[in-house]
């Protein structure tokens, strides 16, 4: 299990226009992703396995999860 204090958190470039309130992502050692609220960096973290993250991104790009 990754030590989340040592991973590199990345904030979307889109977050700069809304006061910095956004989600942050970190790539985990097993190629999964960690997701957290940028306003609460010490709060809860959602861990997503690599296969689930790829499926989520594919669905976003194809428009399957659109509003």
C-alpha atoms as a PDB file:
ATOM      1  CA  UNK A   1       0.000   0.000   0.000  1.00  0.00           C
ATOM      2  CA  UNK A   2       1.345   3.417  -0.923  1.00  0.00           C
ATOM      3  CA  UNK A   3       2.242   5.996   1.702  1.00  0.00           C
ATOM      4  CA  UNK A   4       0.007   8.851   0.548  1.00  0.00           C
ATOM      5  CA  UNK A   5       2.214  11.435   2.251  1.00  0.00           C
ATOM      6  CA  UNK A   6       4.938  10.582  -0.277  1.00  0.00           C
ATOM      7  CA  UNK A   7       2.983  10.527  -3.531  1.00  0.00           C
ATOM      8  CA  UNK A   8       2.928  13.470  -5.931  1.00  0.00           C
ATOM      9  CA  UNK A   9      -0.546  15.022  -5.994  1.00  0.00           C
ATOM     10  CA  UNK A  10      -1.561  16.727  -9.236  1.00  0.00           C
ATOM     11  CA  UNK A  11      -4.264  19.355  -9.529  1.00  0.00           C
ATOM     12  CA  UNK A  12      -6.042  20.032 -12.806  1.00  0.00           C
ATOM     13  CA  UNK A  13      -5.017  23.182 -14.661  1.00  0.00           C
ATOM     14  CA  UNK A  14      -8.755  23.966 -14.771  1.00  0.00           C
ATOM     15  CA  UNK A  15      -8.750  24.477 -10.996  1.00  0.00           C
ATOM     16  CA  UNK A  16      -6.798  27.747 -11.215  1.00  0.00           C
ATOM     17  CA  UNK A  17      -9.843  29.623 -12.504  1.00  0.00           C
ATOM     18  CA  UNK A  18     -12.199  28.595  -9.705  1.00  0.00           C
ATOM     19  CA  UNK A  19     -10.181  29.503  -6.624  1.00  0.00           C
ATOM     20  CA  UNK A  20      -8.222  26.263  -6.596  1.00  0.00           C
ATOM     21  CA  UNK A  21     -11.157  24.152  -5.464  1.00  0.00           C
ATOM     22  CA  UNK A  22     -10.803  20.920  -7.336  1.00  0.00           C
ATOM     23  CA  UNK A  23      -9.888  17.299  -6.995  1.00  0.00           C
ATOM     24  CA  UNK A  24      -6.297  16.148  -6.919  1.00  0.00           C
ATOM     25  CA  UNK A  25      -4.949  12.911  -8.362  1.00  0.00           C
ATOM     26  CA  UNK A  26      -1.913  10.817  -7.555  1.00  0.00           C
ATOM     27  CA  UNK A  27      -0.572   7.831  -9.480  1.00  0.00           C
ATOM     28  CA  UNK A  28      -0.011   4.929  -7.109  1.00  0.00           C
ATOM     29  CA  UNK A  29       2.765   2.362  -7.227  1.00  0.00           C
ATOM     30  CA  UNK A  30       0.424  -0.277  -8.705  1.00  0.00           C
ATOM     31  CA  UNK A  31      -0.659   2.202 -11.432  1.00  0.00           C
ATOM     32  CA  UNK A  32      -3.942   2.792  -9.648  1.00  0.00           C
ATOM     33  CA  UNK A  33      -5.061   6.303  -8.756  1.00  0.00           C
ATOM     34  CA  UNK A  34      -5.727   8.136  -5.533  1.00  0.00           C
ATOM     35  CA  UNK A  35      -8.268  10.969  -5.588  1.00  0.00           C
ATOM     36  CA  UNK A  36      -8.860  13.625  -2.930  1.00  0.00           C
ATOM     37  CA  UNK A  37     -10.549  16.977  -2.415  1.00  0.00           C
ATOM     38  CA  UNK A  38      -7.980  19.757  -2.769  1.00  0.00           C
ATOM     39  CA  UNK A  39      -9.699  21.754  -0.019  1.00  0.00           C
ATOM     40  CA  UNK A  40      -9.198  18.845   2.414  1.00  0.00           C
ATOM     41  CA  UNK A  41      -5.775  17.373   1.690  1.00  0.00           C
ATOM     42  CA  UNK A  42      -5.766  15.453   4.969  1.00  0.00           C
ATOM     43  CA  UNK A  43      -9.309  14.135   4.486  1.00  0.00           C
ATOM     44  CA  UNK A  44     -10.606  10.991   2.871  1.00  0.00           C
ATOM     45  CA  UNK A  45      -8.886   9.529  -0.192  1.00  0.00           C
ATOM     46  CA  UNK A  46     -10.553   7.381  -2.821  1.00  0.00           C
ATOM     47  CA  UNK A  47      -8.282   4.669  -4.216  1.00  0.00           C
ATOM     48  CA  UNK A  48      -9.139   3.337  -7.661  1.00  0.00           C
ATOM     49  CA  UNK A  49      -7.504   0.246  -9.204  1.00  0.00           C
ATOM     50  CA  UNK A  50      -5.742   0.826 -12.529  1.00  0.00           C
ATOM     51  CA  UNK A  51      -8.289  -1.184 -14.536  1.00  0.00           C
ATOM     52  CA  UNK A  52     -11.199   0.800 -13.085  1.00  0.00           C
ATOM     53  CA  UNK A  53      -9.420   4.114 -13.728  1.00  0.00           C
ATOM     54  CA  UNK A  54      -8.829   3.197 -17.382  1.00  0.00           C
ATOM     55  CA  UNK A  55     -12.503   2.218 -17.784  1.00  0.00           C
ATOM     56  CA  UNK A  56     -13.602   5.517 -16.183  1.00  0.00           C
ATOM     57  CA  UNK A  57     -11.349   7.621 -18.434  1.00  0.00           C
ATOM     58  CA  UNK A  58     -12.457   5.704 -21.520  1.00  0.00           C
ATOM     59  CA  UNK A  59     -16.111   6.332 -20.639  1.00  0.00           C
ATOM     60  CA  UNK A  60     -15.458  10.042 -20.108  1.00  0.00           C
ATOM     61  CA  UNK A  61     -13.631  10.421 -23.408  1.00  0.00           C
ATOM     62  CA  UNK A  62     -16.328   8.572 -25.341  1.00  0.00           C
ATOM     63  CA  UNK A  63     -19.092  10.666 -23.795  1.00  0.00           C
ATOM     64  CA  UNK A  64     -20.755   7.720 -22.049  1.00  0.00           C
ATOM     65  CA  UNK A  65     -20.752   9.581 -18.722  1.00  0.00           C
ATOM     66  CA  UNK A  66     -21.867  12.938 -20.111  1.00  0.00           C
ATOM     67  CA  UNK A  67     -24.707  14.892 -18.589  1.00  0.00           C
END
